[in-house]
Amino acid sequence: MEVCRLKETRNCIMKFRATEEEKSIIMKKVDASDLSISEYLRRCALDKQIVAVNGLDDVARELRAIGNNLNQITRAVNSGYIQAVNLQGTEEVLGQLWQSLNSLQQSVQ
């Protein structure tokens, strides 16, 4: 049986020196990783995997926009402004895409 551990408080401050060039390189990698500086450096130092997936934010933004458009179409159909449109297949595909995006995001965290 596993024992649940409470999350330990990170109360130790660590400092180190770097050249401007080193700082620039580190910050570019931090930005690409979508992690905080502290989390990125902890993962590097503790040999944890760091995975950067570029473009996920753009994909999520597009899926939200498509979902908003579908909601507007649904409201228009329900209020009688336009005739009924069958969007069930579209809704299912978008749901699958959203689940895939969430799974991918969780697997890289």
PDB file of N, CA and C in Angstrom:
ATOM      1  N   MET A   1       0.835  -1.170   0.000  1.00  0.00           N
ATOM      2  CA  MET A   1       0.000   0.000   0.000  1.00  0.00           C
ATOM      3  C   MET A   1       0.894   1.252   0.000  1.00  0.00           C
ATOM      4  N   GLU A   2       0.568   2.214  -0.865  1.00  0.00           N
ATOM      5  CA  GLU A   2       1.358   3.437  -0.926  1.00  0.00           C
ATOM      6  C   GLU A   2       0.901   4.413   0.139  1.00  0.00           C
ATOM      7  N   VAL A   3       1.849   5.119   0.682  1.00  0.00           N
ATOM      8  CA  VAL A   3       1.545   6.142   1.679  1.00  0.00           C
ATOM      9  C   VAL A   3       1.557   7.491   0.979  1.00  0.00           C
ATOM     10  N   CYS A   4       0.483   8.237   1.116  1.00  0.00           N
ATOM     11  CA  CYS A   4       0.408   9.565   0.498  1.00  0.00           C
ATOM     12  C   CYS A   4       1.278  10.531   1.283  1.00  0.00           C
ATOM     13  N   ARG A   5       2.111  11.260   0.573  1.00  0.00           N
ATOM     14  CA  ARG A   5       2.952  12.267   1.223  1.00  0.00           C
ATOM     15  C   ARG A   5       2.392  13.639   0.927  1.00  0.00           C
ATOM     16  N   LEU A   6       2.381  14.465   1.936  1.00  0.00           N
ATOM     17  CA  LEU A   6       1.991  15.848   1.711  1.00  0.00           C
ATOM     18  C   LEU A   6       3.095  16.530   0.925  1.00  0.00           C
ATOM     19  N   LYS A   7       2.715  17.453   0.089  1.00  0.00           N
ATOM     20  CA  LYS A   7       3.700  18.174  -0.704  1.00  0.00           C
ATOM     21  C   LYS A   7       4.608  18.980   0.220  1.00  0.00           C
ATOM     22  N   GLU A   8       5.889  18.785   0.050  1.00  0.00           N
ATOM     23  CA  GLU A   8       6.851  19.483   0.893  1.00  0.00           C
ATOM     24  C   GLU A   8       6.919  20.956   0.497  1.00  0.00           C
ATOM     25  N   THR A   9       7.102  21.803   1.490  1.00  0.00           N
ATOM     26  CA  THR A   9       7.247  23.228   1.242  1.00  0.00           C
ATOM     27  C   THR A   9       8.674  23.499   0.783  1.00  0.00           C
ATOM     28  N   ARG A  10       8.779  24.225  -0.293  1.00  0.00           N
ATOM     29  CA  ARG A  10      10.107  24.586  -0.790  1.00  0.00           C
ATOM     30  C   ARG A  10      10.509  25.882  -0.098  1.00  0.00           C
ATOM     31  N   ASN A  11      11.301  25.736   0.952  1.00  0.00           N
ATOM     32  CA  ASN A  11      11.665  26.907   1.739  1.00  0.00           C
ATOM     33  C   ASN A  11      13.156  27.238   1.669  1.00  0.00           C
ATOM     34  N   CYS A  12      13.905  26.541   0.846  1.00  0.00           N
ATOM     35  CA  CYS A  12      15.337  26.832   0.689  1.00  0.00           C
ATOM     36  C   CYS A  12      15.542  27.664  -0.574  1.00  0.00           C
ATOM     37  N   ILE A  13      16.297  28.727  -0.440  1.00  0.00           N
ATOM     38  CA  ILE A  13      16.604  29.578  -1.581  1.00  0.00           C
ATOM     39  C   ILE A  13      18.008  29.233  -2.054  1.00  0.00           C
ATOM     40  N   MET A  14      18.135  29.033  -3.357  1.00  0.00           N
ATOM     41  CA  MET A  14      19.451  28.737  -3.935  1.00  0.00           C
ATOM     42  C   MET A  14      19.767  29.820  -4.956  1.00  0.00           C
ATOM     43  N   LYS A  15      20.997  30.272  -4.948  1.00  0.00           N
ATOM     44  CA  LYS A  15      21.432  31.306  -5.886  1.00  0.00           C
ATOM     45  C   LYS A  15      22.676  30.810  -6.611  1.00  0.00           C
ATOM     46  N   PHE A  16      22.850  31.270  -7.840  1.00  0.00           N
ATOM     47  CA  PHE A  16      24.087  30.971  -8.555  1.00  0.00           C
ATOM     48  C   PHE A  16      24.362  32.097  -9.537  1.00  0.00           C
ATOM     49  N   ARG A  17      25.584  32.165  -9.971  1.00  0.00           N
ATOM     50  CA  ARG A  17      25.990  33.205 -10.907  1.00  0.00           C
ATOM     51  C   ARG A  17      26.109  32.635 -12.312  1.00  0.00           C
ATOM     52  N   ALA A  18      25.819  33.475 -13.301  1.00  0.00           N
ATOM     53  CA  ALA A  18      25.920  33.075 -14.704  1.00  0.00           C
ATOM     54  C   ALA A  18      26.351  34.289 -15.507  1.00  0.00           C
ATOM     55  N   THR A  19      26.959  34.041 -16.660  1.00  0.00           N
ATOM     56  CA  THR A  19      27.295  35.138 -17.560  1.00  0.00           C
ATOM     57  C   THR A  19      26.006  35.603 -18.238  1.00  0.00           C
ATOM     58  N   GLU A  20      26.045  36.750 -18.872  1.00  0.00           N
ATOM     59  CA  GLU A  20      24.882  37.252 -19.618  1.00  0.00           C
ATOM     60  C   GLU A  20      24.475  36.256 -20.704  1.00  0.00           C
ATOM     61  N   GLU A  21      25.480  35.671 -21.368  1.00  0.00           N
ATOM     62  CA  GLU A  21      25.199  34.702 -22.428  1.00  0.00           C
ATOM     63  C   GLU A  21      24.524  33.456 -21.862  1.00  0.00           C
ATOM     64  N   GLU A  22      25.025  32.948 -20.730  1.00  0.00           N
ATOM     65  CA  GLU A  22      24.418  31.779 -20.095  1.00  0.00           C
ATOM     66  C   GLU A  22      22.978  32.082 -19.663  1.00  0.00           C
ATOM     67  N   LYS A  23      22.798  33.257 -19.096  1.00  0.00           N
ATOM     68  CA  LYS A  23      21.463  33.668 -18.663  1.00  0.00           C
ATOM     69  C   LYS A  23      20.509  33.719 -19.855  1.00  0.00           C
ATOM     70  N   SER A  24      20.967  34.267 -20.959  1.00  0.00           N
ATOM     71  CA  SER A  24      20.144  34.369 -22.154  1.00  0.00           C
ATOM     72  C   SER A  24      19.741  32.985 -22.669  1.00  0.00           C
ATOM     73  N   ILE A  25      20.690  32.067 -22.690  1.00  0.00           N
ATOM     74  CA  ILE A  25      20.415  30.699 -23.157  1.00  0.00           C
ATOM     75  C   ILE A  25      19.415  30.018 -22.227  1.00  0.00           C
ATOM     76  N   ILE A  26      19.647  30.143 -20.924  1.00  0.00           N
ATOM     77  CA  ILE A  26      18.749  29.529 -19.943  1.00  0.00           C
ATOM     78  C   ILE A  26      17.332  30.094 -20.093  1.00  0.00           C
ATOM     79  N   MET A  27      17.227  31.409 -20.222  1.00  0.00           N
ATOM     80  CA  MET A  27      15.911  32.033 -20.314  1.00  0.00           C
ATOM     81  C   MET A  27      15.179  31.620 -21.590  1.00  0.00           C
ATOM     82  N   LYS A  28      15.892  31.447 -22.701  1.00  0.00           N
ATOM     83  CA  LYS A  28      15.254  30.974 -23.937  1.00  0.00           C
ATOM     84  C   LYS A  28      14.706  29.568 -23.741  1.00  0.00           C
ATOM     85  N   LYS A  29      15.465  28.726 -23.045  1.00  0.00           N
ATOM     86  CA  LYS A  29      15.012  27.357 -22.783  1.00  0.00           C
ATOM     87  C   LYS A  29      13.829  27.348 -21.817  1.00  0.00           C
ATOM     88  N   VAL A  30      13.857  28.222 -20.818  1.00  0.00           N
ATOM     89  CA  VAL A  30      12.743  28.331 -19.873  1.00  0.00           C
ATOM     90  C   VAL A  30      11.486  28.758 -20.620  1.00  0.00           C
ATOM     91  N   ASP A  31      11.609  29.770 -21.472  1.00  0.00           N
ATOM     92  CA  ASP A  31      10.454  30.251 -22.231  1.00  0.00           C
ATOM     93  C   ASP A  31       9.879  29.155 -23.129  1.00  0.00           C
ATOM     94  N   ALA A  32      10.752  28.381 -23.770  1.00  0.00           N
ATOM     95  CA  ALA A  32      10.309  27.308 -24.656  1.00  0.00           C
ATOM     96  C   ALA A  32       9.641  26.179 -23.883  1.00  0.00           C
ATOM     97  N   SER A  33      10.020  26.003 -22.614  1.00  0.00           N
ATOM     98  CA  SER A  33       9.491  24.890 -21.820  1.00  0.00           C
ATOM     99  C   SER A  33       8.118  25.191 -21.230  1.00  0.00           C
ATOM    100  N   ASP A  34       7.742  26.456 -21.160  1.00  0.00           N
ATOM    101  CA  ASP A  34       6.478  26.878 -20.549  1.00  0.00           C
ATOM    102  C   ASP A  34       6.421  26.517 -19.067  1.00  0.00           C
ATOM    103  N   LEU A  35       7.586  26.508 -18.423  1.00  0.00           N
ATOM    104  CA  LEU A  35       7.694  26.268 -16.983  1.00  0.00           C
ATOM    105  C   LEU A  35       8.210  27.534 -16.317  1.00  0.00           C
ATOM    106  N   SER A  36       8.080  27.585 -15.004  1.00  0.00           N
ATOM    107  CA  SER A  36       8.701  28.688 -14.282  1.00  0.00           C
ATOM    108  C   SER A  36      10.216  28.449 -14.273  1.00  0.00           C
ATOM    109  N   ILE A  37      10.972  29.488 -13.991  1.00  0.00           N
ATOM    110  CA  ILE A  37      12.428  29.347 -13.922  1.00  0.00           C
ATOM    111  C   ILE A  37      12.794  28.313 -12.866  1.00  0.00           C
ATOM    112  N   SER A  38      12.164  28.410 -11.697  1.00  0.00           N
ATOM    113  CA  SER A  38      12.469  27.477 -10.610  1.00  0.00           C
ATOM    114  C   SER A  38      12.179  26.042 -11.016  1.00  0.00           C
ATOM    115  N   GLU A  39      11.006  25.803 -11.592  1.00  0.00           N
ATOM    116  CA  GLU A  39      10.635  24.436 -11.974  1.00  0.00           C
ATOM    117  C   GLU A  39      11.568  23.905 -13.056  1.00  0.00           C
ATOM    118  N   TYR A  40      11.908  24.756 -14.026  1.00  0.00           N
ATOM    119  CA  TYR A  40      12.808  24.331 -15.095  1.00  0.00           C
ATOM    120  C   TYR A  40      14.173  23.923 -14.525  1.00  0.00           C
ATOM    121  N   LEU A  41      14.734  24.765 -13.659  1.00  0.00           N
ATOM    122  CA  LEU A  41      16.051  24.477 -13.094  1.00  0.00           C
ATOM    123  C   LEU A  41      16.022  23.254 -12.176  1.00  0.00           C
ATOM    124  N   ARG A  42      14.928  23.094 -11.410  1.00  0.00           N
ATOM    125  CA  ARG A  42      14.811  21.892 -10.575  1.00  0.00           C
ATOM    126  C   ARG A  42      14.790  20.640 -11.445  1.00  0.00           C
ATOM    127  N   ARG A  43      14.018  20.671 -12.517  1.00  0.00           N
ATOM    128  CA  ARG A  43      13.944  19.497 -13.384  1.00  0.00           C
ATOM    129  C   ARG A  43      15.294  19.192 -14.024  1.00  0.00           C
ATOM    130  N   CYS A  44      16.008  20.237 -14.439  1.00  0.00           N
ATOM    131  CA  CYS A  44      17.342  20.020 -15.018  1.00  0.00           C
ATOM    132  C   CYS A  44      18.273  19.391 -14.000  1.00  0.00           C
ATOM    133  N   ALA A  45      18.291  19.945 -12.807  1.00  0.00           N
ATOM    134  CA  ALA A  45      19.217  19.485 -11.775  1.00  0.00           C
ATOM    135  C   ALA A  45      18.870  18.091 -11.259  1.00  0.00           C
ATOM    136  N   LEU A  46      17.588  17.741 -11.286  1.00  0.00           N
ATOM    137  CA  LEU A  46      17.160  16.445 -10.755  1.00  0.00           C
ATOM    138  C   LEU A  46      16.968  15.406 -11.857  1.00  0.00           C
ATOM    139  N   ASP A  47      17.512  15.683 -13.043  1.00  0.00           N
ATOM    140  CA  ASP A  47      17.459  14.767 -14.179  1.00  0.00           C
ATOM    141  C   ASP A  47      16.042  14.356 -14.562  1.00  0.00           C
ATOM    142  N   LYS A  48      15.108  15.272 -14.445  1.00  0.00           N
ATOM    143  CA  LYS A  48      13.745  14.997 -14.880  1.00  0.00           C
ATOM    144  C   LYS A  48      13.614  15.436 -16.330  1.00  0.00           C
ATOM    145  N   GLN A  49      12.739  14.754 -17.032  1.00  0.00           N
ATOM    146  CA  GLN A  49      12.554  15.051 -18.453  1.00  0.00           C
ATOM    147  C   GLN A  49      11.823  16.379 -18.628  1.00  0.00           C
ATOM    148  N   ILE A  50      12.294  17.165 -19.585  1.00  0.00           N
ATOM    149  CA  ILE A  50      11.652  18.426 -19.934  1.00  0.00           C
ATOM    150  C   ILE A  50      11.237  18.320 -21.389  1.00  0.00           C
ATOM    151  N   VAL A  51       9.941  18.449 -21.629  1.00  0.00           N
ATOM    152  CA  VAL A  51       9.423  18.325 -22.986  1.00  0.00           C
ATOM    153  C   VAL A  51       8.731  19.627 -23.343  1.00  0.00           C
ATOM    154  N   ALA A  52       9.098  20.191 -24.465  1.00  0.00           N
ATOM    155  CA  ALA A  52       8.452  21.404 -24.951  1.00  0.00           C
ATOM    156  C   ALA A  52       7.694  21.064 -26.226  1.00  0.00           C
ATOM    157  N   VAL A  53       6.401  21.335 -26.223  1.00  0.00           N
ATOM    158  CA  VAL A  53       5.574  21.093 -27.400  1.00  0.00           C
ATOM    159  C   VAL A  53       5.113  22.457 -27.889  1.00  0.00           C
ATOM    160  N   ASN A  54       5.691  22.894 -28.976  1.00  0.00           N
ATOM    161  CA  ASN A  54       5.362  24.213 -29.508  1.00  0.00           C
ATOM    162  C   ASN A  54       4.003  24.188 -30.193  1.00  0.00           C
ATOM    163  N   GLY A  55       3.264  25.261 -30.019  1.00  0.00           N
ATOM    164  CA  GLY A  55       2.006  25.421 -30.735  1.00  0.00           C
ATOM    165  C   GLY A  55       0.768  24.938 -30.009  1.00  0.00           C
ATOM    166  N   LEU A  56       0.900  24.331 -28.824  1.00  0.00           N
ATOM    167  CA  LEU A  56      -0.287  23.834 -28.118  1.00  0.00           C
ATOM    168  C   LEU A  56      -1.236  24.969 -27.752  1.00  0.00           C
ATOM    169  N   ASP A  57      -0.706  26.092 -27.358  1.00  0.00           N
ATOM    170  CA  ASP A  57      -1.560  27.222 -27.000  1.00  0.00           C
ATOM    171  C   ASP A  57      -2.371  27.692 -28.202  1.00  0.00           C
ATOM    172  N   ASP A  58      -1.731  27.713 -29.378  1.00  0.00           N
ATOM    173  CA  ASP A  58      -2.434  28.121 -30.598  1.00  0.00           C
ATOM    174  C   ASP A  58      -3.550  27.141 -30.946  1.00  0.00           C
ATOM    175  N   VAL A  59      -3.268  25.853 -30.800  1.00  0.00           N
ATOM    176  CA  VAL A  59      -4.277  24.835 -31.095  1.00  0.00           C
ATOM    177  C   VAL A  59      -5.447  24.969 -30.127  1.00  0.00           C
ATOM    178  N   ALA A  60      -5.154  25.135 -28.850  1.00  0.00           N
ATOM    179  CA  ALA A  60      -6.213  25.286 -27.848  1.00  0.00           C
ATOM    180  C   ALA A  60      -7.055  26.528 -28.132  1.00  0.00           C
ATOM    181  N   ARG A  61      -6.419  27.619 -28.507  1.00  0.00           N
ATOM    182  CA  ARG A  61      -7.138  28.856 -28.821  1.00  0.00           C
ATOM    183  C   ARG A  61      -8.066  28.645 -30.017  1.00  0.00           C
ATOM    184  N   GLU A  62      -7.591  27.956 -31.038  1.00  0.00           N
ATOM    185  CA  GLU A  62      -8.408  27.683 -32.216  1.00  0.00           C
ATOM    186  C   GLU A  62      -9.587  26.781 -31.875  1.00  0.00           C
ATOM    187  N   LEU A  63      -9.343  25.742 -31.048  1.00  0.00           N
ATOM    188  CA  LEU A  63     -10.435  24.849 -30.656  1.00  0.00           C
ATOM    189  C   LEU A  63     -11.499  25.602 -29.857  1.00  0.00           C
ATOM    190  N   ARG A  64     -11.064  26.518 -28.985  1.00  0.00           N
ATOM    191  CA  ARG A  64     -12.034  27.319 -28.227  1.00  0.00           C
ATOM    192  C   ARG A  64     -12.858  28.193 -29.164  1.00  0.00           C
ATOM    193  N   ALA A  65     -12.210  28.782 -30.151  1.00  0.00           N
ATOM    194  CA  ALA A  65     -12.922  29.635 -31.110  1.00  0.00           C
ATOM    195  C   ALA A  65     -13.944  28.822 -31.904  1.00  0.00           C
ATOM    196  N   ILE A  66     -13.551  27.626 -32.323  1.00  0.00           N
ATOM    197  CA  ILE A  66     -14.476  26.760 -33.064  1.00  0.00           C
ATOM    198  C   ILE A  66     -15.642  26.365 -32.162  1.00  0.00           C
ATOM    199  N   GLY A  67     -15.346  26.031 -30.909  1.00  0.00           N
ATOM    200  CA  GLY A  67     -16.402  25.693 -29.957  1.00  0.00           C
ATOM    201  C   GLY A  67     -17.360  26.848 -29.747  1.00  0.00           C
ATOM    202  N   ASN A  68     -16.839  28.066 -29.657  1.00  0.00           N
ATOM    203  CA  ASN A  68     -17.699  29.245 -29.516  1.00  0.00           C
ATOM    204  C   ASN A  68     -18.598  29.416 -30.737  1.00  0.00           C
ATOM    205  N   ASN A  69     -18.030  29.195 -31.932  1.00  0.00           N
ATOM    206  CA  ASN A  69     -18.828  29.295 -33.151  1.00  0.00           C
ATOM    207  C   ASN A  69     -19.942  28.250 -33.167  1.00  0.00           C
ATOM    208  N   LEU A  70     -19.618  27.027 -32.747  1.00  0.00           N
ATOM    209  CA  LEU A  70     -20.644  25.982 -32.687  1.00  0.00           C
ATOM    210  C   LEU A  70     -21.755  26.353 -31.699  1.00  0.00           C
ATOM    211  N   ASN A  71     -21.376  26.929 -30.573  1.00  0.00           N
ATOM    212  CA  ASN A  71     -22.389  27.361 -29.600  1.00  0.00           C
ATOM    213  C   ASN A  71     -23.292  28.442 -30.183  1.00  0.00           C
ATOM    214  N   GLN A  72     -22.727  29.371 -30.941  1.00  0.00           N
ATOM    215  CA  GLN A  72     -23.525  30.419 -31.559  1.00  0.00           C
ATOM    216  C   GLN A  72     -24.488  29.842 -32.596  1.00  0.00           C
ATOM    217  N   ILE A  73     -24.004  28.873 -33.372  1.00  0.00           N
ATOM    218  CA  ILE A  73     -24.871  28.217 -34.365  1.00  0.00           C
ATOM    219  C   ILE A  73     -26.008  27.482 -33.659  1.00  0.00           C
ATOM    220  N   THR A  74     -25.671  26.783 -32.575  1.00  0.00           N
ATOM    221  CA  THR A  74     -26.685  26.047 -31.818  1.00  0.00           C
ATOM    222  C   THR A  74     -27.741  26.991 -31.273  1.00  0.00           C
ATOM    223  N   ARG A  75     -27.315  28.121 -30.726  1.00  0.00           N
ATOM    224  CA  ARG A  75     -28.279  29.106 -30.211  1.00  0.00           C
ATOM    225  C   ARG A  75     -29.173  29.635 -31.322  1.00  0.00           C
ATOM    226  N   ALA A  76     -28.567  29.900 -32.490  1.00  0.00           N
ATOM    227  CA  ALA A  76     -29.354  30.409 -33.621  1.00  0.00           C
ATOM    228  C   ALA A  76     -30.387  29.385 -34.077  1.00  0.00           C
ATOM    229  N   VAL A  77     -30.002  28.113 -34.112  1.00  0.00           N
ATOM    230  CA  VAL A  77     -30.942  27.058 -34.495  1.00  0.00           C
ATOM    231  C   VAL A  77     -32.050  26.953 -33.460  1.00  0.00           C
ATOM    232  N   ASN A  78     -31.678  26.925 -32.184  1.00  0.00           N
ATOM    233  CA  ASN A  78     -32.669  26.783 -31.114  1.00  0.00           C
ATOM    234  C   ASN A  78     -33.634  27.959 -31.041  1.00  0.00           C
ATOM    235  N   SER A  79     -33.186  29.131 -31.427  1.00  0.00           N
ATOM    236  CA  SER A  79     -34.059  30.310 -31.379  1.00  0.00           C
ATOM    237  C   SER A  79     -34.845  30.496 -32.674  1.00  0.00           C
ATOM    238  N   GLY A  80     -34.599  29.661 -33.674  1.00  0.00           N
ATOM    239  CA  GLY A  80     -35.372  29.711 -34.915  1.00  0.00           C
ATOM    240  C   GLY A  80     -34.834  30.662 -35.965  1.00  0.00           C
ATOM    241  N   TYR A  81     -33.662  31.254 -35.737  1.00  0.00           N
ATOM    242  CA  TYR A  81     -33.085  32.158 -36.736  1.00  0.00           C
ATOM    243  C   TYR A  81     -32.626  31.431 -37.989  1.00  0.00           C
ATOM    244  N   ILE A  82     -32.169  30.209 -37.833  1.00  0.00           N
ATOM    245  CA  ILE A  82     -31.761  29.410 -38.992  1.00  0.00           C
ATOM    246  C   ILE A  82     -32.366  28.021 -38.857  1.00  0.00           C
ATOM    247  N   GLN A  83     -32.416  27.317 -39.991  1.00  0.00           N
ATOM    248  CA  GLN A  83     -32.966  25.968 -39.972  1.00  0.00           C
ATOM    249  C   GLN A  83     -31.991  25.022 -39.289  1.00  0.00           C
ATOM    250  N   ALA A  84     -32.512  23.913 -38.859  1.00  0.00           N
ATOM    251  CA  ALA A  84     -31.702  22.930 -38.147  1.00  0.00           C
ATOM    252  C   ALA A  84     -30.514  22.480 -38.994  1.00  0.00           C
ATOM    253  N   VAL A  85     -29.383  22.366 -38.342  1.00  0.00           N
ATOM    254  CA  VAL A  85     -28.149  21.915 -38.982  1.00  0.00           C
ATOM    255  C   VAL A  85     -27.617  20.764 -38.135  1.00  0.00           C
ATOM    256  N   ASN A  86     -27.203  19.683 -38.774  1.00  0.00           N
ATOM    257  CA  ASN A  86     -26.672  18.537 -38.043  1.00  0.00           C
ATOM    258  C   ASN A  86     -25.169  18.713 -37.866  1.00  0.00           C
ATOM    259  N   LEU A  87     -24.760  19.037 -36.671  1.00  0.00           N
ATOM    260  CA  LEU A  87     -23.348  19.251 -36.360  1.00  0.00           C
ATOM    261  C   LEU A  87     -22.829  18.198 -35.386  1.00  0.00           C
ATOM    262  N   GLN A  88     -23.564  17.111 -35.224  1.00  0.00           N
ATOM    263  CA  GLN A  88     -23.169  16.098 -34.257  1.00  0.00           C
ATOM    264  C   GLN A  88     -21.794  15.521 -34.588  1.00  0.00           C
ATOM    265  N   GLY A  89     -21.525  15.216 -35.848  1.00  0.00           N
ATOM    266  CA  GLY A  89     -20.218  14.679 -36.242  1.00  0.00           C
ATOM    267  C   GLY A  89     -19.105  15.664 -35.952  1.00  0.00           C
ATOM    268  N   THR A  90     -19.369  16.934 -36.236  1.00  0.00           N
ATOM    269  CA  THR A  90     -18.378  17.982 -35.978  1.00  0.00           C
ATOM    270  C   THR A  90     -18.105  18.085 -34.486  1.00  0.00           C
ATOM    271  N   GLU A  91     -19.165  18.033 -33.700  1.00  0.00           N
ATOM    272  CA  GLU A  91     -19.018  18.121 -32.251  1.00  0.00           C
ATOM    273  C   GLU A  91     -18.199  16.949 -31.711  1.00  0.00           C
ATOM    274  N   GLU A  92     -18.446  15.755 -32.233  1.00  0.00           N
ATOM    275  CA  GLU A  92     -17.711  14.575 -31.775  1.00  0.00           C
ATOM    276  C   GLU A  92     -16.223  14.679 -32.113  1.00  0.00           C
ATOM    277  N   VAL A  93     -15.919  15.122 -33.322  1.00  0.00           N
ATOM    278  CA  VAL A  93     -14.519  15.256 -33.739  1.00  0.00           C
ATOM    279  C   VAL A  93     -13.812  16.305 -32.889  1.00  0.00           C
ATOM    280  N   LEU A  94     -14.473  17.424 -32.646  1.00  0.00           N
ATOM    281  CA  LEU A  94     -13.865  18.467 -31.813  1.00  0.00           C
ATOM    282  C   LEU A  94     -13.669  17.975 -30.382  1.00  0.00           C
ATOM    283  N   GLY A  95     -14.603  17.200 -29.877  1.00  0.00           N
ATOM    284  CA  GLY A  95     -14.451  16.632 -28.543  1.00  0.00           C
ATOM    285  C   GLY A  95     -13.247  15.710 -28.474  1.00  0.00           C
ATOM    286  N   GLN A  96     -13.057  14.896 -29.499  1.00  0.00           N
ATOM    287  CA  GLN A  96     -11.898  14.002 -29.547  1.00  0.00           C
ATOM    288  C   GLN A  96     -10.594  14.793 -29.626  1.00  0.00           C
ATOM    289  N   LEU A  97     -10.591  15.860 -30.427  1.00  0.00           N
ATOM    290  CA  LEU A  97      -9.404  16.707 -30.533  1.00  0.00           C
ATOM    291  C   LEU A  97      -9.077  17.339 -29.186  1.00  0.00           C
ATOM    292  N   TRP A  98     -10.108  17.822 -28.508  1.00  0.00           N
ATOM    293  CA  TRP A  98      -9.904  18.461 -27.207  1.00  0.00           C
ATOM    294  C   TRP A  98      -9.359  17.458 -26.202  1.00  0.00           C
ATOM    295  N   GLN A  99      -9.890  16.231 -26.201  1.00  0.00           N
ATOM    296  CA  GLN A  99      -9.390  15.203 -25.296  1.00  0.00           C
ATOM    297  C   GLN A  99      -7.936  14.855 -25.615  1.00  0.00           C
ATOM    298  N   SER A 100      -7.607  14.778 -26.893  1.00  0.00           N
ATOM    299  CA  SER A 100      -6.229  14.483 -27.292  1.00  0.00           C
ATOM    300  C   SER A 100      -5.284  15.580 -26.827  1.00  0.00           C
ATOM    301  N   LEU A 101      -5.709  16.810 -26.996  1.00  0.00           N
ATOM    302  CA  LEU A 101      -4.894  17.946 -26.559  1.00  0.00           C
ATOM    303  C   LEU A 101      -4.675  17.901 -25.054  1.00  0.00           C
ATOM    304  N   ASN A 102      -5.727  17.628 -24.298  1.00  0.00           N
ATOM    305  CA  ASN A 102      -5.594  17.539 -22.837  1.00  0.00           C
ATOM    306  C   ASN A 102      -4.689  16.386 -22.440  1.00  0.00           C
ATOM    307  N   SER A 103      -4.813  15.236 -23.094  1.00  0.00           N
ATOM    308  CA  SER A 103      -3.966  14.083 -22.797  1.00  0.00           C
ATOM    309  C   SER A 103      -2.515  14.402 -23.080  1.00  0.00           C
ATOM    310  N   LEU A 104      -2.266  15.043 -24.201  1.00  0.00           N
ATOM    311  CA  LEU A 104      -0.890  15.408 -24.561  1.00  0.00           C
ATOM    312  C   LEU A 104      -0.311  16.371 -23.536  1.00  0.00           C
ATOM    313  N   GLN A 105      -1.096  17.342 -23.145  1.00  0.00           N
ATOM    314  CA  GLN A 105      -0.634  18.318 -22.163  1.00  0.00           C
ATOM    315  C   GLN A 105      -0.324  17.644 -20.830  1.00  0.00           C
ATOM    316  N   GLN A 106      -1.166  16.725 -20.392  1.00  0.00           N
ATOM    317  CA  GLN A 106      -0.940  16.040 -19.120  1.00  0.00           C
ATOM    318  C   GLN A 106       0.268  15.122 -19.198  1.00  0.00           C
ATOM    319  N   SER A 107       0.508  14.512 -20.354  1.00  0.00           N
ATOM    320  CA  SER A 107       1.621  13.573 -20.467  1.00  0.00           C
ATOM    321  C   SER A 107       2.975  14.274 -20.455  1.00  0.00           C
ATOM    322  N   VAL A 108       3.018  15.544 -20.792  1.00  0.00           N
ATOM    323  CA  VAL A 108       4.292  16.254 -20.805  1.00  0.00           C
ATOM    324  C   VAL A 108       4.521  17.066 -19.544  1.00  0.00           C
ATOM    325  N   GLN A 109       3.596  17.038 -18.619  1.00  0.00           N
ATOM    326  CA  GLN A 109       3.784  17.792 -17.373  1.00  0.00           C
ATOM    327  C   GLN A 109       4.457  16.955 -16.336  1.00  0.00           C
TER     328      GLN A 109
END
